[in-house]
Amino acid sequence: SQNTAAELAPVFIEANLDQTSVYVQAQALLTVRVYHSVSLYDDSSLTPLQIADARVEQLGESRTYEKVINSIRHGVIETRYAIYP
């Protein structure tokens, strides 16, 4: 379904895992994107990701860029993680 501008929150998160089934001690790649159409108090750092019973490693620095969605400019903070359950 296509979102309309009225349905989008000022801040929302999109998360994508690179596989549907993850095995114990096998690596899974998680990409988290925080979209914001309003200024964030401090968008330079996000709280480190923690997952119970898994090792989480951030892959490189977070990327920041802009994306226009439904004619509204959003800032995007993208962070990639390697997760080992």
PDB file of N, CA and C in Angstrom:
ATOM      1  N   SER A   1       0.839  -1.186   0.000  1.00  0.00           N
ATOM      2  CA  SER A   1       0.000   0.000   0.000  1.00  0.00           C
ATOM      3  C   SER A   1       0.877   1.238   0.000  1.00  0.00           C
ATOM      4  N   GLN A   2       0.472   2.230  -0.725  1.00  0.00           N
ATOM      5  CA  GLN A   2       1.228   3.473  -0.842  1.00  0.00           C
ATOM      6  C   GLN A   2       0.831   4.410   0.295  1.00  0.00           C
ATOM      7  N   ASN A   3       1.821   4.888   1.040  1.00  0.00           N
ATOM      8  CA  ASN A   3       1.533   5.839   2.112  1.00  0.00           C
ATOM      9  C   ASN A   3       1.232   7.205   1.518  1.00  0.00           C
ATOM     10  N   THR A   4       0.335   7.927   2.131  1.00  0.00           N
ATOM     11  CA  THR A   4       0.124   9.324   1.756  1.00  0.00           C
ATOM     12  C   THR A   4       0.859  10.181   2.765  1.00  0.00           C
ATOM     13  N   ALA A   5       1.107  11.418   2.413  1.00  0.00           N
ATOM     14  CA  ALA A   5       1.854  12.305   3.305  1.00  0.00           C
ATOM     15  C   ALA A   5       1.178  12.417   4.662  1.00  0.00           C
ATOM     16  N   ALA A   6      -0.145  12.382   4.689  1.00  0.00           N
ATOM     17  CA  ALA A   6      -0.874  12.514   5.949  1.00  0.00           C
ATOM     18  C   ALA A   6      -0.653  11.309   6.859  1.00  0.00           C
ATOM     19  N   GLU A   7      -0.291  10.160   6.292  1.00  0.00           N
ATOM     20  CA  GLU A   7      -0.117   8.948   7.095  1.00  0.00           C
ATOM     21  C   GLU A   7       1.291   8.814   7.668  1.00  0.00           C
ATOM     22  N   LEU A   8       2.263   9.541   7.129  1.00  0.00           N
ATOM     23  CA  LEU A   8       3.637   9.406   7.593  1.00  0.00           C
ATOM     24  C   LEU A   8       3.858  10.198   8.875  1.00  0.00           C
ATOM     25  N   ALA A   9       4.437   9.544   9.867  1.00  0.00           N
ATOM     26  CA  ALA A   9       4.780  10.226  11.111  1.00  0.00           C
ATOM     27  C   ALA A   9       6.001  11.113  10.862  1.00  0.00           C
ATOM     28  N   PRO A  10       6.228  12.145  11.696  1.00  0.00           N
ATOM     29  CA  PRO A  10       7.402  13.003  11.517  1.00  0.00           C
ATOM     30  C   PRO A  10       8.714  12.231  11.690  1.00  0.00           C
ATOM     31  N   VAL A  11       8.669  11.156  12.482  1.00  0.00           N
ATOM     32  CA  VAL A  11       9.837  10.295  12.668  1.00  0.00           C
ATOM     33  C   VAL A  11       9.358   8.856  12.577  1.00  0.00           C
ATOM     34  N   PHE A  12      10.017   8.056  11.738  1.00  0.00           N
ATOM     35  CA  PHE A  12       9.676   6.634  11.678  1.00  0.00           C
ATOM     36  C   PHE A  12      10.915   5.818  11.348  1.00  0.00           C
ATOM     37  N   ILE A  13      10.845   4.527  11.647  1.00  0.00           N
ATOM     38  CA  ILE A  13      11.993   3.628  11.505  1.00  0.00           C
ATOM     39  C   ILE A  13      11.666   2.525  10.521  1.00  0.00           C
ATOM     40  N   GLU A  14      12.646   2.191   9.685  1.00  0.00           N
ATOM     41  CA  GLU A  14      12.551   1.054   8.774  1.00  0.00           C
ATOM     42  C   GLU A  14      13.729   0.142   9.102  1.00  0.00           C
ATOM     43  N   ALA A  15      13.463  -1.145   9.266  1.00  0.00           N
ATOM     44  CA  ALA A  15      14.525  -2.106   9.559  1.00  0.00           C
ATOM     45  C   ALA A  15      14.409  -3.282   8.599  1.00  0.00           C
ATOM     46  N   ASN A  16      15.544  -3.683   8.024  1.00  0.00           N
ATOM     47  CA  ASN A  16      15.571  -4.802   7.083  1.00  0.00           C
ATOM     48  C   ASN A  16      16.646  -5.797   7.492  1.00  0.00           C
ATOM     49  N   LEU A  17      16.258  -7.054   7.599  1.00  0.00           N
ATOM     50  CA  LEU A  17      17.190  -8.140   7.874  1.00  0.00           C
ATOM     51  C   LEU A  17      17.469  -8.840   6.557  1.00  0.00           C
ATOM     52  N   ASP A  18      18.721  -9.238   6.321  1.00  0.00           N
ATOM     53  CA  ASP A  18      19.092  -9.780   5.013  1.00  0.00           C
ATOM     54  C   ASP A  18      18.643 -11.220   4.783  1.00  0.00           C
ATOM     55  N   GLN A  19      18.007 -11.846   5.768  1.00  0.00           N
ATOM     56  CA  GLN A  19      17.528 -13.212   5.589  1.00  0.00           C
ATOM     57  C   GLN A  19      16.322 -13.467   6.485  1.00  0.00           C
ATOM     58  N   THR A  20      15.530 -14.466   6.132  1.00  0.00           N
ATOM     59  CA  THR A  20      14.318 -14.749   6.902  1.00  0.00           C
ATOM     60  C   THR A  20      14.565 -15.749   8.016  1.00  0.00           C
ATOM     61  N   SER A  21      15.561 -16.619   7.861  1.00  0.00           N
ATOM     62  CA  SER A  21      15.905 -17.595   8.903  1.00  0.00           C
ATOM     63  C   SER A  21      17.352 -17.382   9.307  1.00  0.00           C
ATOM     64  N   VAL A  22      17.585 -17.294  10.614  1.00  0.00           N
ATOM     65  CA  VAL A  22      18.934 -17.072  11.117  1.00  0.00           C
ATOM     66  C   VAL A  22      19.303 -18.222  12.038  1.00  0.00           C
ATOM     67  N   TYR A  23      20.484 -18.788  11.828  1.00  0.00           N
ATOM     68  CA  TYR A  23      20.951 -19.906  12.643  1.00  0.00           C
ATOM     69  C   TYR A  23      21.862 -19.403  13.753  1.00  0.00           C
ATOM     70  N   VAL A  24      21.938 -20.164  14.846  1.00  0.00           N
ATOM     71  CA  VAL A  24      22.774 -19.803  15.986  1.00  0.00           C
ATOM     72  C   VAL A  24      24.213 -19.630  15.511  1.00  0.00           C
ATOM     73  N   GLN A  25      24.836 -18.531  15.924  1.00  0.00           N
ATOM     74  CA  GLN A  25      26.208 -18.153  15.609  1.00  0.00           C
ATOM     75  C   GLN A  25      26.433 -17.836  14.131  1.00  0.00           C
ATOM     76  N   ALA A  26      25.388 -17.777  13.333  1.00  0.00           N
ATOM     77  CA  ALA A  26      25.519 -17.358  11.934  1.00  0.00           C
ATOM     78  C   ALA A  26      25.248 -15.860  11.855  1.00  0.00           C
ATOM     79  N   GLN A  27      25.952 -15.189  10.968  1.00  0.00           N
ATOM     80  CA  GLN A  27      25.795 -13.739  10.848  1.00  0.00           C
ATOM     81  C   GLN A  27      24.533 -13.364  10.082  1.00  0.00           C
ATOM     82  N   ALA A  28      23.837 -12.374  10.605  1.00  0.00           N
ATOM     83  CA  ALA A  28      22.721 -11.753   9.888  1.00  0.00           C
ATOM     84  C   ALA A  28      23.036 -10.262   9.800  1.00  0.00           C
ATOM     85  N   LEU A  29      22.705  -9.649   8.673  1.00  0.00           N
ATOM     86  CA  LEU A  29      22.942  -8.218   8.498  1.00  0.00           C
ATOM     87  C   LEU A  29      21.632  -7.458   8.659  1.00  0.00           C
ATOM     88  N   LEU A  30      21.643  -6.475   9.549  1.00  0.00           N
ATOM     89  CA  LEU A  30      20.466  -5.655   9.816  1.00  0.00           C
ATOM     90  C   LEU A  30      20.767  -4.218   9.407  1.00  0.00           C
ATOM     91  N   THR A  31      19.885  -3.641   8.606  1.00  0.00           N
ATOM     92  CA  THR A  31      19.998  -2.231   8.231  1.00  0.00           C
ATOM     93  C   THR A  31      18.831  -1.485   8.865  1.00  0.00           C
ATOM     94  N   VAL A  32      19.154  -0.465   9.655  1.00  0.00           N
ATOM     95  CA  VAL A  32      18.135   0.343  10.333  1.00  0.00           C
ATOM     96  C   VAL A  32      18.204   1.753   9.758  1.00  0.00           C
ATOM     97  N   ARG A  33      17.051   2.256   9.325  1.00  0.00           N
ATOM     98  CA  ARG A  33      16.972   3.628   8.813  1.00  0.00           C
ATOM     99  C   ARG A  33      15.966   4.411   9.656  1.00  0.00           C
ATOM    100  N   VAL A  34      16.415   5.537  10.198  1.00  0.00           N
ATOM    101  CA  VAL A  34      15.542   6.444  10.935  1.00  0.00           C
ATOM    102  C   VAL A  34      15.256   7.628  10.015  1.00  0.00           C
ATOM    103  N   TYR A  35      13.987   7.796   9.655  1.00  0.00           N
ATOM    104  CA  TYR A  35      13.557   8.896   8.789  1.00  0.00           C
ATOM    105  C   TYR A  35      12.967   9.996   9.662  1.00  0.00           C
ATOM    106  N   HIS A  36      13.320  11.250   9.369  1.00  0.00           N
ATOM    107  CA  HIS A  36      12.743  12.354  10.144  1.00  0.00           C
ATOM    108  C   HIS A  36      12.489  13.548   9.230  1.00  0.00           C
ATOM    109  N   SER A  37      11.267  14.066   9.309  1.00  0.00           N
ATOM    110  CA  SER A  37      10.906  15.264   8.542  1.00  0.00           C
ATOM    111  C   SER A  37      10.921  16.500   9.437  1.00  0.00           C
ATOM    112  N   VAL A  38      11.276  16.308  10.692  1.00  0.00           N
ATOM    113  CA  VAL A  38      11.437  17.404  11.652  1.00  0.00           C
ATOM    114  C   VAL A  38      12.854  17.310  12.206  1.00  0.00           C
ATOM    115  N   SER A  39      13.342  18.385  12.782  1.00  0.00           N
ATOM    116  CA  SER A  39      14.678  18.362  13.363  1.00  0.00           C
ATOM    117  C   SER A  39      14.696  17.467  14.591  1.00  0.00           C
ATOM    118  N   LEU A  40      15.744  16.675  14.707  1.00  0.00           N
ATOM    119  CA  LEU A  40      15.923  15.840  15.894  1.00  0.00           C
ATOM    120  C   LEU A  40      16.810  16.587  16.877  1.00  0.00           C
ATOM    121  N   TYR A  41      16.617  16.313  18.150  1.00  0.00           N
ATOM    122  CA  TYR A  41      17.401  16.986  19.187  1.00  0.00           C
ATOM    123  C   TYR A  41      18.888  16.769  18.945  1.00  0.00           C
ATOM    124  N   ASP A  42      19.288  15.517  18.709  1.00  0.00           N
ATOM    125  CA  ASP A  42      20.691  15.204  18.431  1.00  0.00           C
ATOM    126  C   ASP A  42      20.725  14.023  17.483  1.00  0.00           C
ATOM    127  N   ASP A  43      20.795  14.312  16.186  1.00  0.00           N
ATOM    128  CA  ASP A  43      20.758  13.216  15.219  1.00  0.00           C
ATOM    129  C   ASP A  43      22.141  12.665  14.899  1.00  0.00           C
ATOM    130  N   SER A  44      23.158  13.145  15.628  1.00  0.00           N
ATOM    131  CA  SER A  44      24.506  12.676  15.331  1.00  0.00           C
ATOM    132  C   SER A  44      24.800  11.320  15.956  1.00  0.00           C
ATOM    133  N   SER A  45      24.003  10.908  16.937  1.00  0.00           N
ATOM    134  CA  SER A  45      24.274   9.613  17.558  1.00  0.00           C
ATOM    135  C   SER A  45      22.973   8.946  17.987  1.00  0.00           C
ATOM    136  N   LEU A  46      22.917   7.654  17.751  1.00  0.00           N
ATOM    137  CA  LEU A  46      21.783   6.853  18.188  1.00  0.00           C
ATOM    138  C   LEU A  46      22.263   5.921  19.284  1.00  0.00           C
ATOM    139  N   THR A  47      21.373   5.546  20.175  1.00  0.00           N
ATOM    140  CA  THR A  47      21.720   4.597  21.222  1.00  0.00           C
ATOM    141  C   THR A  47      22.142   3.286  20.574  1.00  0.00           C
ATOM    142  N   PRO A  48      23.250   2.690  21.017  1.00  0.00           N
ATOM    143  CA  PRO A  48      23.688   1.422  20.416  1.00  0.00           C
ATOM    144  C   PRO A  48      22.599   0.355  20.504  1.00  0.00           C
ATOM    145  N   LEU A  49      22.490  -0.420  19.443  1.00  0.00           N
ATOM    146  CA  LEU A  49      21.493  -1.484  19.375  1.00  0.00           C
ATOM    147  C   LEU A  49      21.878  -2.617  20.315  1.00  0.00           C
ATOM    148  N   GLN A  50      20.912  -3.101  21.080  1.00  0.00           N
ATOM    149  CA  GLN A  50      21.126  -4.246  21.963  1.00  0.00           C
ATOM    150  C   GLN A  50      20.033  -5.262  21.707  1.00  0.00           C
ATOM    151  N   ILE A  51      20.430  -6.521  21.545  1.00  0.00           N
ATOM    152  CA  ILE A  51      19.480  -7.611  21.341  1.00  0.00           C
ATOM    153  C   ILE A  51      19.835  -8.704  22.338  1.00  0.00           C
ATOM    154  N   ALA A  52      18.856  -9.146  23.117  1.00  0.00           N
ATOM    155  CA  ALA A  52      19.100 -10.179  24.126  1.00  0.00           C
ATOM    156  C   ALA A  52      19.618 -11.448  23.459  1.00  0.00           C
ATOM    157  N   ASP A  53      20.600 -12.085  24.081  1.00  0.00           N
ATOM    158  CA  ASP A  53      21.156 -13.365  23.625  1.00  0.00           C
ATOM    159  C   ASP A  53      21.761 -13.289  22.228  1.00  0.00           C
ATOM    160  N   ALA A  54      22.280 -12.129  21.851  1.00  0.00           N
ATOM    161  CA  ALA A  54      22.945 -11.996  20.549  1.00  0.00           C
ATOM    162  C   ALA A  54      24.096 -11.003  20.679  1.00  0.00           C
ATOM    163  N   ARG A  55      25.135 -11.222  19.875  1.00  0.00           N
ATOM    164  CA  ARG A  55      26.235 -10.263  19.782  1.00  0.00           C
ATOM    165  C   ARG A  55      25.909  -9.326  18.624  1.00  0.00           C
ATOM    166  N   VAL A  56      26.036  -8.028  18.866  1.00  0.00           N
ATOM    167  CA  VAL A  56      25.705  -7.026  17.852  1.00  0.00           C
ATOM    168  C   VAL A  56      26.944  -6.173  17.597  1.00  0.00           C
ATOM    169  N   GLU A  57      27.336  -6.057  16.323  1.00  0.00           N
ATOM    170  CA  GLU A  57      28.471  -5.219  15.945  1.00  0.00           C
ATOM    171  C   GLU A  57      28.009  -4.201  14.914  1.00  0.00           C
ATOM    172  N   GLN A  58      28.259  -2.919  15.189  1.00  0.00           N
ATOM    173  CA  GLN A  58      27.932  -1.896  14.191  1.00  0.00           C
ATOM    174  C   GLN A  58      28.977  -1.959  13.091  1.00  0.00           C
ATOM    175  N   LEU A  59      28.528  -1.910  11.844  1.00  0.00           N
ATOM    176  CA  LEU A  59      29.422  -1.965  10.688  1.00  0.00           C
ATOM    177  C   LEU A  59      29.682  -0.544  10.190  1.00  0.00           C
ATOM    178  N   GLY A  60      30.825  -0.010  10.541  1.00  0.00           N
ATOM    179  CA  GLY A  60      31.171   1.338  10.103  1.00  0.00           C
ATOM    180  C   GLY A  60      30.360   2.405  10.807  1.00  0.00           C
ATOM    181  N   GLU A  61      30.477   3.618  10.294  1.00  0.00           N
ATOM    182  CA  GLU A  61      29.747   4.753  10.853  1.00  0.00           C
ATOM    183  C   GLU A  61      28.344   4.822  10.254  1.00  0.00           C
ATOM    184  N   SER A  62      27.445   5.470  10.967  1.00  0.00           N
ATOM    185  CA  SER A  62      26.108   5.708  10.417  1.00  0.00           C
ATOM    186  C   SER A  62      26.226   6.669   9.238  1.00  0.00           C
ATOM    187  N   ARG A  63      25.400   6.430   8.220  1.00  0.00           N
ATOM    188  CA  ARG A  63      25.329   7.330   7.064  1.00  0.00           C
ATOM    189  C   ARG A  63      24.149   8.261   7.256  1.00  0.00           C
ATOM    190  N   THR A  64      24.303   9.516   6.866  1.00  0.00           N
ATOM    191  CA  THR A  64      23.170  10.441   6.886  1.00  0.00           C
ATOM    192  C   THR A  64      22.987  10.988   5.478  1.00  0.00           C
ATOM    193  N   TYR A  65      21.739  11.056   5.049  1.00  0.00           N
ATOM    194  CA  TYR A  65      21.421  11.588   3.726  1.00  0.00           C
ATOM    195  C   TYR A  65      19.974  12.035   3.725  1.00  0.00           C
ATOM    196  N   GLU A  66      19.534  12.581   2.608  1.00  0.00           N
ATOM    197  CA  GLU A  66      18.148  13.039   2.498  1.00  0.00           C
ATOM    198  C   GLU A  66      17.412  12.234   1.443  1.00  0.00           C
ATOM    199  N   LYS A  67      16.111  12.038   1.671  1.00  0.00           N
ATOM    200  CA  LYS A  67      15.259  11.330   0.722  1.00  0.00           C
ATOM    201  C   LYS A  67      13.904  12.027   0.711  1.00  0.00           C
ATOM    202  N   VAL A  68      13.366  12.246  -0.478  1.00  0.00           N
ATOM    203  CA  VAL A  68      12.049  12.874  -0.602  1.00  0.00           C
ATOM    204  C   VAL A  68      11.003  11.773  -0.710  1.00  0.00           C
ATOM    205  N   ILE A  69      10.036  11.797   0.204  1.00  0.00           N
ATOM    206  CA  ILE A  69       8.943  10.824   0.217  1.00  0.00           C
ATOM    207  C   ILE A  69       7.642  11.612   0.177  1.00  0.00           C
ATOM    208  N   ASN A  70       6.827  11.350  -0.821  1.00  0.00           N
ATOM    209  CA  ASN A  70       5.548  12.068  -0.972  1.00  0.00           C
ATOM    210  C   ASN A  70       5.732  13.585  -0.921  1.00  0.00           C
ATOM    211  N   SER A  71       6.743  14.066  -1.633  1.00  0.00           N
ATOM    212  CA  SER A  71       7.048  15.505  -1.740  1.00  0.00           C
ATOM    213  C   SER A  71       7.515  16.131  -0.429  1.00  0.00           C
ATOM    214  N   ILE A  72       7.852  15.321   0.558  1.00  0.00           N
ATOM    215  CA  ILE A  72       8.354  15.833   1.842  1.00  0.00           C
ATOM    216  C   ILE A  72       9.795  15.362   2.010  1.00  0.00           C
ATOM    217  N   ARG A  73      10.693  16.315   2.274  1.00  0.00           N
ATOM    218  CA  ARG A  73      12.105  15.982   2.454  1.00  0.00           C
ATOM    219  C   ARG A  73      12.315  15.380   3.850  1.00  0.00           C
ATOM    220  N   HIS A  74      12.950  14.227   3.880  1.00  0.00           N
ATOM    221  CA  HIS A  74      13.264  13.547   5.138  1.00  0.00           C
ATOM    222  C   HIS A  74      14.776  13.410   5.276  1.00  0.00           C
ATOM    223  N   GLY A  75      15.272  13.669   6.468  1.00  0.00           N
ATOM    224  CA  GLY A  75      16.633  13.281   6.782  1.00  0.00           C
ATOM    225  C   GLY A  75      16.614  11.797   7.101  1.00  0.00           C
ATOM    226  N   VAL A  76      17.682  11.085   6.743  1.00  0.00           N
ATOM    227  CA  VAL A  76      17.762   9.650   7.001  1.00  0.00           C
ATOM    228  C   VAL A  76      19.072   9.362   7.720  1.00  0.00           C
ATOM    229  N   ILE A  77      18.984   8.586   8.787  1.00  0.00           N
ATOM    230  CA  ILE A  77      20.172   8.083   9.478  1.00  0.00           C
ATOM    231  C   ILE A  77      20.165   6.578   9.261  1.00  0.00           C
ATOM    232  N   GLU A  78      21.164   6.066   8.550  1.00  0.00           N
ATOM    233  CA  GLU A  78      21.214   4.639   8.221  1.00  0.00           C
ATOM    234  C   GLU A  78      22.392   3.995   8.931  1.00  0.00           C
ATOM    235  N   THR A  79      22.112   2.925   9.654  1.00  0.00           N
ATOM    236  CA  THR A  79      23.144   2.202  10.383  1.00  0.00           C
ATOM    237  C   THR A  79      23.029   0.722  10.054  1.00  0.00           C
ATOM    238  N   ARG A  80      24.180   0.079   9.810  1.00  0.00           N
ATOM    239  CA  ARG A  80      24.191  -1.355   9.495  1.00  0.00           C
ATOM    240  C   ARG A  80      24.860  -2.113  10.646  1.00  0.00           C
ATOM    241  N   TYR A  81      24.300  -3.282  10.944  1.00  0.00           N
ATOM    242  CA  TYR A  81      24.796  -4.104  12.043  1.00  0.00           C
ATOM    243  C   TYR A  81      24.991  -5.536  11.579  1.00  0.00           C
ATOM    244  N   ALA A  82      26.006  -6.189  12.139  1.00  0.00           N
ATOM    245  CA  ALA A  82      26.141  -7.639  12.023  1.00  0.00           C
ATOM    246  C   ALA A  82      25.634  -8.205  13.341  1.00  0.00           C
ATOM    247  N   ILE A  83      24.735  -9.181  13.245  1.00  0.00           N
ATOM    248  CA  ILE A  83      24.137  -9.784  14.439  1.00  0.00           C
ATOM    249  C   ILE A  83      24.471 -11.267  14.442  1.00  0.00           C
ATOM    250  N   TYR A  84      24.933 -11.747  15.588  1.00  0.00           N
ATOM    251  CA  TYR A  84      25.267 -13.166  15.762  1.00  0.00           C
ATOM    252  C   TYR A  84      24.428 -13.718  16.903  1.00  0.00           C
ATOM    253  N   PRO A  85      23.343 -14.433  16.597  1.00  0.00           N
ATOM    254  CA  PRO A  85      22.484 -14.959  17.665  1.00  0.00           C
ATOM    255  C   PRO A  85      23.141 -16.121  18.410  1.00  0.00           C
TER     256      PRO A  85
END
